[in-house]
Amino acid sequence: MRRKLGFVSVGTMLLATLAVAQTPARAGVAPAGSPGTSATVAEARATINGRVSTDADTAASAGNAYWTPERMRAARPAPMPDGVDTFDGEATDRPGRIGAERDVATPAAPRSSAAGVSAAPEGASQGTQAVNASPGVGRVFFTHKNEDFFCSGGTINNPQANLVSTAGHCVHPGDGGSVWYDNWAYAPEYTEGEELHGLWFAKEFTSVEGWVDWGYLWWDFAFVTMHPQGGNRLVHVTGGQGLSVNKSKSLSALLLGYPGEAPYDGLSQYYAQGTIKAAGAQRVKLKNCPLNHGASGGPFLRAWDNDLRFGYVNSVMSYKYSGNMYGPYFDDDVLDIYNVAKNKQ
């Protein structure tokens, strides 16, 4: 029997005011004298214990030694950046390149039909439509300034079968510095503290200067190339989400992630769903979304197939403001970054 996600009715929970997190104070003000540079790709090799992750076996040995079950359970949900509904300078910095609607990657089921099979969690609501947990969504772990955190991410069905989408603030603090997060690992369909499909380790980060150098929330996305595990590639084991660009800013979406603040514990997937709306120049939002810290980087999914357990990533969870969940709009600017990342070995 497939595990059913704990249901969260959109708009039924009141959340505490979110704290200011890693985004620098200058967020929302366009960079003087440097128009257009925000769209430039930003890349870095991943590290484990501060050392570049050069090969899969070394990464697995060092990464598994670091991420003990106790350390993973003790990791804190990464703070979401502080944001507002409308940013000064957003339209100037990212006016948008909205081309033809495209599905640039299509969902793929795992090669093994056993992926994602588990029992329904205790406390799942009755009398509501059940949503199956996706093996193509997982919990992200990383270290920053000697503290361990977690976010969320989604597996993307790319040509190399090795890509994860997440938020920019789940790979880099967005402060203009050269230090990316350490010990970056991904546990697909992490369930009740168990790694159902193993722990996978990052090889390379691909984001954009608008996030890395300036901390702009309209650029808060990233792709992460993952090492193989035991000779197997991530998408072949778990399956992968599709990826859409230039779609309507008003469409039905399912948000999946690992919220870690009360009433959640970050140990299983939860979802919210509804019709997203346009926000600012190049962002979208889901109103009255109860998901919170730890869900960062989890996908906004369009055309969700509840039997396949995959859809098309159309944005990623970035921050909360006034009870709404915001994410960057996926247009041709995002497609350019995906095209840089998709063929990395």
Protein backbone atom coordinates (compact mmCIF):
# COMPACT_ATOMS: atom_id res chain seq x y z
CA MET A 1 0.00 0.00 0.00
CA ARG A 2 1.32 3.43 -0.86
CA ARG A 3 1.86 5.80 2.01
CA LYS A 4 -0.62 8.67 2.13
CA LEU A 5 0.57 12.12 3.04
CA GLY A 6 -0.72 13.83 6.14
CA PHE A 7 -3.36 16.23 4.81
CA VAL A 8 -3.09 19.92 5.56
CA SER A 9 -6.09 21.99 4.59
CA VAL A 10 -4.95 25.22 2.98
CA GLY A 11 -5.87 28.15 5.17
CA THR A 12 -6.73 26.20 8.32
CA MET A 13 -3.65 27.02 10.40
CA LEU A 14 -2.33 30.25 11.82
CA LEU A 15 1.45 30.50 11.76
CA ALA A 16 3.73 32.50 13.99
CA THR A 17 5.47 35.51 12.51
CA LEU A 18 8.52 34.34 10.56
CA ALA A 19 11.91 35.49 11.74
CA VAL A 20 14.34 37.36 9.53
CA ALA A 21 16.72 34.75 8.15
CA GLN A 22 19.72 34.62 5.88
CA THR A 23 18.67 37.15 3.26
CA PRO A 24 20.75 40.36 3.48
CA ALA A 25 19.06 43.66 4.27
CA ARG A 26 19.66 44.91 0.73
CA ALA A 27 17.20 42.37 -0.74
CA GLY A 28 14.58 44.12 -2.82
CA VAL A 29 16.83 46.93 -4.05
CA ALA A 30 18.22 46.50 -7.56
CA PRO A 31 22.05 46.66 -7.86
CA ALA A 32 23.17 50.09 -8.94
CA GLY A 33 25.18 50.14 -12.14
CA SER A 34 24.88 46.42 -12.91
CA PRO A 35 21.61 45.83 -14.78
CA GLY A 36 21.21 42.36 -16.21
CA THR A 37 24.00 40.70 -14.23
CA SER A 38 21.59 39.01 -11.83
CA ALA A 39 20.65 36.45 -14.51
CA THR A 40 24.25 35.21 -14.79
CA VAL A 41 24.86 31.62 -13.74
CA ALA A 42 26.66 31.01 -10.42
CA GLU A 43 28.31 27.62 -9.89
CA ALA A 44 30.39 25.81 -7.28
CA ARG A 45 31.67 22.33 -6.49
CA ALA A 46 30.06 20.80 -3.41
CA THR A 47 32.14 20.00 -0.32
CA ILE A 48 31.99 17.48 2.50
CA ASN A 49 33.72 18.47 5.74
CA GLY A 50 35.06 21.48 3.84
CA ARG A 51 36.76 19.42 1.14
CA VAL A 52 35.66 19.29 -2.50
CA SER A 53 33.53 16.23 -3.21
CA THR A 54 35.58 14.74 -6.06
CA ASP A 55 34.17 11.24 -6.52
CA ALA A 56 31.10 9.27 -5.53
CA ASP A 57 32.81 6.72 -3.26
CA THR A 58 34.68 9.36 -1.26
CA ALA A 59 31.54 11.48 -0.99
CA ALA A 60 29.50 8.52 0.23
CA SER A 61 32.11 7.46 2.79
CA ALA A 62 32.58 10.93 4.27
CA GLY A 63 28.94 11.95 3.94
CA ASN A 64 27.49 8.86 5.59
CA ALA A 65 30.02 9.16 8.41
CA TYR A 66 28.88 12.74 9.01
CA TRP A 67 25.12 12.29 8.65
CA THR A 68 24.40 9.78 11.37
CA PRO A 69 20.71 9.15 12.15
CA GLU A 70 21.13 11.16 15.34
CA ARG A 71 22.63 14.13 13.49
CA MET A 72 19.90 14.08 10.87
CA ARG A 73 17.19 14.07 13.52
CA ALA A 74 18.90 16.94 15.33
CA ALA A 75 19.16 19.15 12.22
CA ARG A 76 17.04 22.29 12.43
CA PRO A 77 14.64 23.51 9.74
CA ALA A 78 16.42 26.15 7.69
CA PRO A 79 14.95 29.62 8.26
CA MET A 80 13.06 31.05 5.34
CA PRO A 81 14.20 34.47 4.15
CA ASP A 82 12.22 37.46 5.29
CA GLY A 83 10.10 38.89 2.49
CA VAL A 84 7.17 41.09 1.49
CA ASP A 85 4.52 40.98 -1.21
CA THR A 86 6.03 43.64 -3.48
CA PHE A 87 9.73 44.50 -3.80
CA ASP A 88 11.13 47.81 -5.01
CA GLY A 89 13.45 47.14 -7.92
CA GLU A 90 12.17 43.67 -8.81
CA ALA A 91 10.80 44.64 -12.23
CA THR A 92 14.02 46.51 -13.03
CA ASP A 93 16.29 43.64 -12.04
CA ARG A 94 14.14 40.85 -13.48
CA PRO A 95 11.65 42.14 -16.04
CA GLY A 96 11.16 38.55 -17.20
CA ARG A 97 11.77 36.57 -20.36
CA ILE A 98 8.49 34.79 -20.88
CA GLY A 99 8.58 32.71 -24.04
CA ALA A 100 6.41 29.88 -25.26
CA GLU A 101 4.93 27.54 -22.65
CA ARG A 102 7.19 24.51 -22.49
CA ASP A 103 7.61 21.27 -20.59
CA VAL A 104 11.38 20.98 -20.77
CA ALA A 105 11.48 17.72 -18.81
CA THR A 106 8.78 15.08 -18.43
CA PRO A 107 8.05 13.03 -15.29
CA ALA A 108 9.63 9.58 -15.11
CA ALA A 109 8.73 6.70 -12.83
CA PRO A 110 11.50 4.88 -10.97
CA ARG A 111 12.93 1.80 -12.64
CA SER A 112 11.93 -0.19 -9.57
CA SER A 113 8.20 -0.31 -8.88
CA ALA A 114 8.98 -0.70 -5.16
CA ALA A 115 10.00 2.95 -4.75
CA GLY A 116 7.79 4.81 -2.34
CA VAL A 117 5.87 1.86 -0.89
CA SER A 118 5.06 2.34 2.79
CA ALA A 119 2.11 2.50 5.17
CA ALA A 120 -0.07 5.54 5.80
CA PRO A 121 1.29 7.70 8.62
CA GLU A 122 -0.60 8.02 11.84
CA GLY A 123 -2.82 11.05 11.98
CA ALA A 124 -3.66 11.35 8.28
CA SER A 125 -7.01 13.13 8.02
CA GLN A 126 -10.05 11.14 7.02
CA GLY A 127 -12.69 12.23 4.53
CA THR A 128 -10.25 14.13 2.32
CA GLN A 129 -8.61 13.28 -0.95
CA ALA A 130 -5.39 11.43 -0.19
CA VAL A 131 -2.15 12.47 -1.86
CA ASN A 132 0.51 9.83 -2.30
CA ALA A 133 4.00 10.61 -1.10
CA SER A 134 6.41 11.20 -3.98
CA PRO A 135 9.76 9.40 -4.20
CA GLY A 136 10.77 12.43 -6.28
CA VAL A 137 10.62 14.79 -3.29
CA GLY A 138 13.05 14.58 -0.41
CA ARG A 139 14.58 16.20 2.62
CA VAL A 140 17.81 18.15 2.10
CA PHE A 141 20.53 18.31 4.75
CA PHE A 142 23.43 20.76 4.94
CA THR A 143 25.88 22.45 7.30
CA HIS A 144 26.49 26.19 7.63
CA LYS A 145 28.76 27.81 10.23
CA ASN A 146 29.01 24.51 12.13
CA GLU A 147 25.22 24.15 12.41
CA ASP A 148 23.15 21.46 10.71
CA PHE A 149 19.93 22.40 8.88
CA PHE A 150 17.37 20.85 6.59
CA CYS A 151 15.35 22.04 3.59
CA SER A 152 13.35 20.24 0.90
CA GLY A 153 13.98 19.46 -2.76
CA GLY A 154 12.63 17.66 -5.81
CA THR A 155 14.31 15.21 -8.18
CA ILE A 156 14.28 16.39 -11.82
CA ASN A 157 14.23 13.95 -14.74
CA ASN A 158 17.23 15.42 -16.59
CA PRO A 159 19.38 13.72 -19.29
CA GLN A 160 22.00 12.65 -16.73
CA ALA A 161 19.35 11.42 -14.24
CA ASN A 162 21.10 13.22 -11.40
CA LEU A 163 19.46 16.58 -10.68
CA VAL A 164 17.62 18.08 -7.69
CA SER A 165 15.74 21.39 -7.65
CA THR A 166 15.63 23.47 -4.49
CA ALA A 167 15.69 27.05 -3.22
CA GLY A 168 18.76 29.23 -3.62
CA HIS A 169 18.81 29.81 0.14
CA CYS A 170 19.17 26.03 0.60
CA VAL A 171 22.58 26.05 -1.14
CA HIS A 172 24.03 29.51 -0.40
CA PRO A 173 23.27 32.28 2.14
CA GLY A 174 22.83 34.88 -0.63
CA ASP A 175 25.32 37.25 0.95
CA GLY A 176 27.75 37.70 -1.94
CA GLY A 177 30.32 35.44 -0.31
CA SER A 178 32.23 32.52 -1.79
CA VAL A 179 31.14 29.95 0.83
CA TRP A 180 28.40 27.56 -0.26
CA TYR A 181 26.81 25.15 2.19
CA ASP A 182 28.80 22.10 3.29
CA ASN A 183 27.82 18.42 3.66
CA TRP A 184 24.89 18.78 1.25
CA ALA A 185 22.84 15.59 1.14
CA TYR A 186 19.44 14.54 -0.17
CA ALA A 187 17.16 11.84 1.26
CA PRO A 188 14.35 11.09 -1.24
CA GLU A 189 10.99 10.34 0.38
CA TYR A 190 12.46 10.65 3.87
CA THR A 191 9.77 9.05 6.05
CA GLU A 192 9.51 8.99 9.82
CA GLY A 193 13.25 9.54 10.04
CA GLU A 194 14.07 6.71 7.62
CA GLU A 195 16.00 7.08 4.35
CA LEU A 196 13.79 4.93 2.14
CA HIS A 197 16.05 5.33 -0.90
CA GLY A 198 19.39 6.03 0.74
CA LEU A 199 21.30 9.26 1.20
CA TRP A 200 22.67 11.00 -1.91
CA PHE A 201 25.46 13.56 -1.93
CA ALA A 202 25.89 16.76 -3.91
CA LYS A 203 28.56 17.10 -6.57
CA GLU A 204 27.91 20.60 -7.91
CA PHE A 205 25.62 23.58 -7.32
CA THR A 206 24.11 25.69 -10.11
CA SER A 207 22.26 28.86 -9.19
CA VAL A 208 22.24 32.48 -10.31
CA GLU A 209 24.08 35.66 -9.30
CA GLY A 210 20.80 37.35 -8.45
CA TRP A 211 20.58 35.02 -5.46
CA VAL A 212 24.21 34.27 -4.63
CA ASP A 213 25.48 37.86 -4.89
CA TRP A 214 22.39 39.86 -3.99
CA GLY A 215 19.94 37.64 -2.13
CA TYR A 216 17.01 38.64 -4.33
CA LEU A 217 14.00 36.46 -3.62
CA TRP A 218 12.82 36.55 -7.23
CA TRP A 219 15.98 34.53 -8.01
CA ASP A 220 15.70 32.14 -5.06
CA PHE A 221 16.20 28.83 -6.88
CA ALA A 222 19.01 26.36 -7.57
CA PHE A 223 19.78 23.01 -9.17
CA VAL A 224 22.08 20.47 -7.55
CA THR A 225 23.96 17.74 -9.45
CA MET A 226 24.13 14.57 -7.36
CA HIS A 227 26.79 11.85 -7.22
CA PRO A 228 25.66 8.34 -8.19
CA GLN A 229 25.15 5.84 -5.40
CA GLY A 230 26.59 2.37 -5.82
CA GLY A 231 26.78 2.96 -9.56
CA ASN A 232 23.09 3.93 -9.76
CA ARG A 233 21.80 7.34 -10.76
CA LEU A 234 19.25 9.15 -8.64
CA VAL A 235 16.39 9.38 -11.17
CA HIS A 236 16.75 5.70 -12.06
CA VAL A 237 16.20 4.80 -8.40
CA THR A 238 13.48 7.26 -7.42
CA GLY A 239 12.02 8.58 -10.65
CA GLY A 240 11.95 12.30 -11.37
CA GLN A 241 9.62 15.26 -11.69
CA GLY A 242 9.13 17.09 -14.96
CA LEU A 243 10.00 20.78 -15.33
CA SER A 244 7.81 23.52 -16.84
CA VAL A 245 8.59 27.10 -17.85
CA ASN A 246 6.48 30.05 -19.02
CA LYS A 247 3.23 28.55 -17.77
CA SER A 248 0.33 30.62 -16.51
CA LYS A 249 0.89 32.36 -13.19
CA SER A 250 -2.60 31.25 -12.20
CA LEU A 251 -2.98 27.48 -12.18
CA SER A 252 -3.67 24.57 -9.85
CA ALA A 253 -0.58 23.45 -7.94
CA LEU A 254 0.44 20.95 -5.30
CA LEU A 255 3.23 21.97 -2.90
CA LEU A 256 5.27 19.16 -1.32
CA GLY A 257 7.93 19.47 1.35
CA TYR A 258 9.17 18.79 4.87
CA PRO A 259 7.91 21.52 7.21
CA GLY A 260 9.70 21.32 10.54
CA GLU A 261 8.07 23.83 12.87
CA ALA A 262 5.05 22.97 15.04
CA PRO A 263 2.73 21.30 14.35
CA TYR A 264 5.18 19.50 12.03
CA ASP A 265 8.40 17.67 12.83
CA GLY A 266 10.06 17.48 9.40
CA LEU A 267 10.08 13.69 9.43
CA SER A 268 7.57 13.13 6.60
CA GLN A 269 6.19 14.86 3.51
CA TYR A 270 3.24 17.19 3.82
CA TYR A 271 1.37 19.05 1.15
CA ALA A 272 -0.77 22.06 0.44
CA GLN A 273 -2.71 22.66 -2.73
CA GLY A 274 -4.73 25.35 -4.43
CA THR A 275 -4.58 27.87 -7.24
CA ILE A 276 -1.39 29.89 -7.35
CA LYS A 277 -1.49 33.57 -8.25
CA ALA A 278 0.95 36.08 -9.71
CA ALA A 279 3.08 37.98 -7.21
CA GLY A 280 5.24 40.98 -8.00
CA ALA A 281 7.05 41.00 -11.35
CA GLN A 282 8.40 37.44 -11.50
CA ARG A 283 7.07 35.48 -8.53
CA VAL A 284 4.01 33.35 -7.73
CA LYS A 285 2.25 32.61 -4.45
CA LEU A 286 -0.15 30.17 -2.86
CA LYS A 287 -2.44 31.97 -0.46
CA ASN A 288 -3.03 30.73 3.09
CA CYS A 289 -0.39 28.02 2.89
CA PRO A 290 0.30 26.38 6.28
CA LEU A 291 3.67 24.84 5.37
CA ASN A 292 6.61 26.45 7.17
CA HIS A 293 10.38 26.38 7.75
CA GLY A 294 11.95 23.18 6.41
CA ALA A 295 9.64 23.15 3.39
CA SER A 296 12.00 25.61 1.66
CA GLY A 297 12.99 24.33 -1.77
CA GLY A 298 10.11 21.90 -2.05
CA PRO A 299 8.41 22.05 -5.44
CA PHE A 300 5.32 23.81 -6.67
CA LEU A 301 3.98 20.99 -8.87
CA ARG A 302 1.54 21.43 -11.76
CA ALA A 303 -0.28 18.55 -13.51
CA TRP A 304 0.23 16.29 -10.50
CA ASP A 305 -0.42 12.60 -11.23
CA ASN A 306 -1.40 10.95 -7.96
CA ASP A 307 -0.88 7.42 -9.31
CA LEU A 308 2.51 8.11 -10.86
CA ARG A 309 3.32 10.37 -7.85
CA PHE A 310 5.01 12.97 -10.04
CA GLY A 311 4.20 16.25 -11.74
CA TYR A 312 6.02 19.21 -13.25
CA VAL A 313 8.10 21.55 -11.09
CA ASN A 314 6.81 25.05 -11.79
CA SER A 315 8.48 26.93 -8.91
CA VAL A 316 10.06 26.18 -5.52
CA MET A 317 9.07 27.30 -2.04
CA SER A 318 11.04 30.40 -1.10
CA TYR A 319 9.46 32.32 1.80
CA LYS A 320 6.27 33.06 3.73
CA TYR A 321 4.61 36.45 4.05
CA SER A 322 1.20 37.17 5.55
CA GLY A 323 0.38 33.45 5.50
CA ASN A 324 1.17 33.03 1.80
CA MET A 325 3.93 30.88 0.28
CA TYR A 326 6.00 32.56 -2.44
CA GLY A 327 8.29 31.17 -5.11
CA PRO A 328 10.21 32.50 -8.15
CA TYR A 329 8.36 32.30 -11.45
CA PHE A 330 9.92 29.76 -13.83
CA ASP A 331 10.47 31.44 -17.20
CA ASP A 332 13.26 31.44 -19.81
CA ASP A 333 15.68 32.91 -17.23
CA VAL A 334 15.24 29.74 -15.17
CA LEU A 335 15.42 27.59 -18.31
CA ASP A 336 18.86 29.06 -19.07
CA ILE A 337 20.14 27.95 -15.66
CA TYR A 338 18.54 24.52 -16.03
CA ASN A 339 20.23 24.12 -19.42
CA VAL A 340 23.60 24.76 -17.76
CA ALA A 341 22.89 22.18 -15.06
CA LYS A 342 21.03 19.43 -16.90
CA ASN A 343 23.99 17.79 -18.67
CA LYS A 344 26.50 17.93 -15.83
CA GLN A 345 27.88 14.48 -15.09
